[in-house]
């Protein structure tokens, strides 16, 4: 199964300037998947947190944040 990863309007307006798209993709493809709800996924790395929603064959990035230590 092939999933398309796309940016949501919320990510573009509020998070894109703080978390680059390359970092989001790196976290999604390298982090262990953790399901938060039925179609909602959380991905975490040492530096970033990404929240996505699955809609059919599309994984929509809703939220992305830097983790500050």
C-alpha atoms as a PDB file:
ATOM      1  CA  UNK A   1       0.000   0.000   0.000  1.00  0.00           C
ATOM      2  CA  UNK A   2       1.320   3.415  -0.990  1.00  0.00           C
ATOM      3  CA  UNK A   3       0.507   6.464   1.140  1.00  0.00           C
ATOM      4  CA  UNK A   4       0.771  10.041  -0.053  1.00  0.00           C
ATOM      5  CA  UNK A   5       1.967  12.509   2.582  1.00  0.00           C
ATOM      6  CA  UNK A   6       0.479  15.989   2.178  1.00  0.00           C
ATOM      7  CA  UNK A   7       0.469  19.270   4.092  1.00  0.00           C
ATOM      8  CA  UNK A   8      -2.773  20.437   5.688  1.00  0.00           C
ATOM      9  CA  UNK A   9      -3.809  24.093   5.558  1.00  0.00           C
ATOM     10  CA  UNK A  10      -3.269  24.303   9.322  1.00  0.00           C
ATOM     11  CA  UNK A  11       0.330  23.034   8.989  1.00  0.00           C
ATOM     12  CA  UNK A  12       1.068  25.509   6.189  1.00  0.00           C
ATOM     13  CA  UNK A  13      -0.376  28.500   8.093  1.00  0.00           C
ATOM     14  CA  UNK A  14       0.912  27.769  11.588  1.00  0.00           C
ATOM     15  CA  UNK A  15       3.819  25.321  11.587  1.00  0.00           C
ATOM     16  CA  UNK A  16       5.682  25.280   8.266  1.00  0.00           C
ATOM     17  CA  UNK A  17       7.958  28.210   9.143  1.00  0.00           C
ATOM     18  CA  UNK A  18       9.093  26.501  12.371  1.00  0.00           C
ATOM     19  CA  UNK A  19       9.351  22.875  11.221  1.00  0.00           C
ATOM     20  CA  UNK A  20      10.637  22.329   7.666  1.00  0.00           C
ATOM     21  CA  UNK A  21       8.897  19.781   5.450  1.00  0.00           C
ATOM     22  CA  UNK A  22      12.081  17.688   5.112  1.00  0.00           C
ATOM     23  CA  UNK A  23      12.202  17.284   8.902  1.00  0.00           C
ATOM     24  CA  UNK A  24       8.531  16.245   8.984  1.00  0.00           C
ATOM     25  CA  UNK A  25       9.105  13.557   6.350  1.00  0.00           C
ATOM     26  CA  UNK A  26      12.242  12.313   8.116  1.00  0.00           C
ATOM     27  CA  UNK A  27      10.321  11.911  11.393  1.00  0.00           C
ATOM     28  CA  UNK A  28       7.405  10.114   9.705  1.00  0.00           C
ATOM     29  CA  UNK A  29       9.599   7.617   7.864  1.00  0.00           C
ATOM     30  CA  UNK A  30      12.140   6.926  10.621  1.00  0.00           C
ATOM     31  CA  UNK A  31      10.114   7.066  13.867  1.00  0.00           C
ATOM     32  CA  UNK A  32       8.209   4.148  15.303  1.00  0.00           C
ATOM     33  CA  UNK A  33       4.529   4.547  14.543  1.00  0.00           C
ATOM     34  CA  UNK A  34       2.237   5.201  17.432  1.00  0.00           C
ATOM     35  CA  UNK A  35      -1.479   5.280  16.846  1.00  0.00           C
ATOM     36  CA  UNK A  36      -3.301   7.816  18.945  1.00  0.00           C
ATOM     37  CA  UNK A  37      -6.812   7.180  17.673  1.00  0.00           C
ATOM     38  CA  UNK A  38      -8.516   5.310  14.885  1.00  0.00           C
ATOM     39  CA  UNK A  39      -6.983   7.243  11.987  1.00  0.00           C
ATOM     40  CA  UNK A  40      -4.677   9.599  13.885  1.00  0.00           C
ATOM     41  CA  UNK A  41      -0.952   8.967  14.244  1.00  0.00           C
ATOM     42  CA  UNK A  42       1.731  10.585  16.407  1.00  0.00           C
ATOM     43  CA  UNK A  43       5.373  10.453  15.415  1.00  0.00           C
ATOM     44  CA  UNK A  44       8.191  11.544  17.722  1.00  0.00           C
ATOM     45  CA  UNK A  45      11.930  11.935  17.401  1.00  0.00           C
ATOM     46  CA  UNK A  46      14.443  13.584  19.719  1.00  0.00           C
ATOM     47  CA  UNK A  47      13.784  16.982  18.152  1.00  0.00           C
ATOM     48  CA  UNK A  48      10.293  16.907  16.600  1.00  0.00           C
ATOM     49  CA  UNK A  49       6.679  15.875  17.190  1.00  0.00           C
ATOM     50  CA  UNK A  50       4.346  15.293  14.210  1.00  0.00           C
ATOM     51  CA  UNK A  51       0.583  14.627  14.287  1.00  0.00           C
ATOM     52  CA  UNK A  52      -1.079  13.160  11.183  1.00  0.00           C
ATOM     53  CA  UNK A  53      -4.522  12.016  10.095  1.00  0.00           C
ATOM     54  CA  UNK A  54      -5.091   9.249   7.586  1.00  0.00           C
ATOM     55  CA  UNK A  55      -7.760   9.865   4.968  1.00  0.00           C
ATOM     56  CA  UNK A  56      -7.922   6.951   2.543  1.00  0.00           C
ATOM     57  CA  UNK A  57      -4.513   6.649   0.866  1.00  0.00           C
ATOM     58  CA  UNK A  58      -3.397  10.061   2.137  1.00  0.00           C
ATOM     59  CA  UNK A  59      -1.545  10.899   5.327  1.00  0.00           C
ATOM     60  CA  UNK A  60      -2.295  14.557   6.127  1.00  0.00           C
ATOM     61  CA  UNK A  61       0.147  16.380   8.407  1.00  0.00           C
ATOM     62  CA  UNK A  62      -1.910  18.375  10.901  1.00  0.00           C
ATOM     63  CA  UNK A  63       0.622  19.545  13.469  1.00  0.00           C
ATOM     64  CA  UNK A  64       4.411  19.665  13.767  1.00  0.00           C
ATOM     65  CA  UNK A  65       6.431  21.072  16.658  1.00  0.00           C
ATOM     66  CA  UNK A  66      10.000  21.270  17.832  1.00  0.00           C
ATOM     67  CA  UNK A  67      10.655  19.549  21.137  1.00  0.00           C
ATOM     68  CA  UNK A  68      12.611  21.862  23.382  1.00  0.00           C
ATOM     69  CA  UNK A  69      14.812  20.488  26.118  1.00  0.00           C
END
